[in-house]
Amino acid sequence: MYKVDIVNDFNGKKAELSKLIKSWNLINMSSKDDFENLSEKILTNLSAGQTELKIKRIIESELCVTYGLFKTDFDAEKLTDEIMTWWDE
């Protein structure tokens, strides 16, 4: 696979993942672009074969530190399960 194809594939998956994250309605009035960095971080780790636990920790950390949410504002386990199901499709 050519480098351009790999980049295009990654960007396509990142857009899909951003759309999935946006569908959770974690932040009112957000656009899917608001989750580009989170999507990229998760996708990079998924591509590297990181565990479900690592993905869950990324979600918890990013949503709290970057987006200002509290752990009680979201169910990290459920969100991780949704991402892992999406990834395995």
Protein backbone atom coordinates (compact mmCIF):
# COMPACT_ATOMS: atom_id res chain seq x y z
CA MET A 1 0.00 0.00 0.00
CA TYR A 2 1.34 3.41 -0.91
CA LYS A 3 1.96 6.05 1.74
CA VAL A 4 -0.80 8.24 0.26
CA ASP A 5 -3.26 5.36 0.53
CA ILE A 6 -2.27 4.75 4.14
CA VAL A 7 -2.74 8.43 5.00
CA ASN A 8 -6.09 8.55 3.19
CA ASP A 9 -7.25 5.40 4.99
CA PHE A 10 -6.18 6.83 8.37
CA ASN A 11 -7.92 10.14 7.68
CA GLY A 12 -11.09 8.33 6.62
CA LYS A 13 -11.11 6.27 9.80
CA LYS A 14 -10.38 9.36 11.87
CA ALA A 15 -13.42 11.09 10.34
CA GLU A 16 -15.59 8.04 11.08
CA LEU A 17 -14.35 7.90 14.66
CA SER A 18 -14.93 11.64 15.13
CA LYS A 19 -18.50 11.16 13.91
CA LEU A 20 -19.01 8.31 16.38
CA ILE A 21 -17.64 10.38 19.26
CA LYS A 22 -19.82 13.34 18.23
CA SER A 23 -22.87 11.05 18.33
CA TRP A 24 -22.34 10.62 22.08
CA ASN A 25 -23.42 14.25 22.62
CA LEU A 26 -20.83 14.78 25.34
CA ILE A 27 -20.56 18.50 24.70
CA ASN A 28 -23.49 20.64 23.62
CA MET A 29 -23.04 22.57 20.40
CA SER A 30 -19.87 20.71 19.41
CA SER A 31 -18.94 19.80 15.87
CA LYS A 32 -17.24 16.57 14.86
CA ASP A 33 -14.09 18.62 14.23
CA ASP A 34 -13.94 19.30 17.97
CA PHE A 35 -12.93 15.67 18.46
CA GLU A 36 -10.21 15.42 15.79
CA ASN A 37 -7.36 15.27 18.32
CA LEU A 38 -9.11 12.69 20.48
CA SER A 39 -9.93 10.60 17.42
CA GLU A 40 -6.36 10.76 16.19
CA LYS A 41 -4.96 9.75 19.57
CA ILE A 42 -7.36 6.81 19.88
CA LEU A 43 -6.86 5.69 16.28
CA THR A 44 -3.07 5.87 16.55
CA ASN A 45 -3.20 3.65 19.62
CA LEU A 46 -5.67 1.22 18.05
CA SER A 47 -3.45 0.95 14.97
CA ALA A 48 -0.49 0.19 17.23
CA GLY A 49 -2.40 -2.69 18.80
CA GLN A 50 -2.97 -1.11 22.20
CA THR A 51 -5.33 -2.82 24.62
CA GLU A 52 -8.91 -1.92 25.41
CA LEU A 53 -7.74 -0.75 28.85
CA LYS A 54 -5.30 1.70 27.23
CA ILE A 55 -8.09 3.07 25.00
CA LYS A 56 -10.35 3.48 28.05
CA ARG A 57 -7.62 5.41 29.87
CA ILE A 58 -7.13 7.69 26.86
CA ILE A 59 -10.87 8.41 26.77
CA GLU A 60 -11.00 9.16 30.49
CA SER A 61 -7.93 11.33 30.43
CA GLU A 62 -8.77 13.32 27.32
CA LEU A 63 -12.42 13.91 28.18
CA CYS A 64 -11.48 15.15 31.64
CA VAL A 65 -8.27 17.06 30.95
CA THR A 66 -8.86 18.40 27.44
CA TYR A 67 -12.65 18.76 27.37
CA GLY A 68 -13.26 19.57 31.05
CA LEU A 69 -15.70 16.77 31.74
CA PHE A 70 -15.96 14.84 34.99
CA LYS A 71 -15.79 11.04 35.04
CA THR A 72 -19.41 11.09 36.18
CA ASP A 73 -20.38 12.89 32.93
CA PHE A 74 -19.70 9.82 30.79
CA ASP A 75 -19.41 6.03 30.93
CA ALA A 76 -15.85 5.31 29.81
CA GLU A 77 -16.49 1.55 29.71
CA LYS A 78 -19.47 1.94 27.37
CA LEU A 79 -17.67 4.42 25.13
CA THR A 80 -14.66 2.13 24.92
CA ASP A 81 -16.90 -0.80 24.01
CA GLU A 82 -18.47 1.25 21.21
CA ILE A 83 -15.05 2.19 19.86
CA MET A 84 -13.76 -1.37 20.04
CA THR A 85 -16.88 -2.64 18.24
CA TRP A 86 -16.40 0.01 15.54
CA TRP A 87 -12.70 -0.90 15.23
CA ASP A 88 -13.44 -4.63 14.88
CA GLU A 89 -15.96 -4.12 12.05
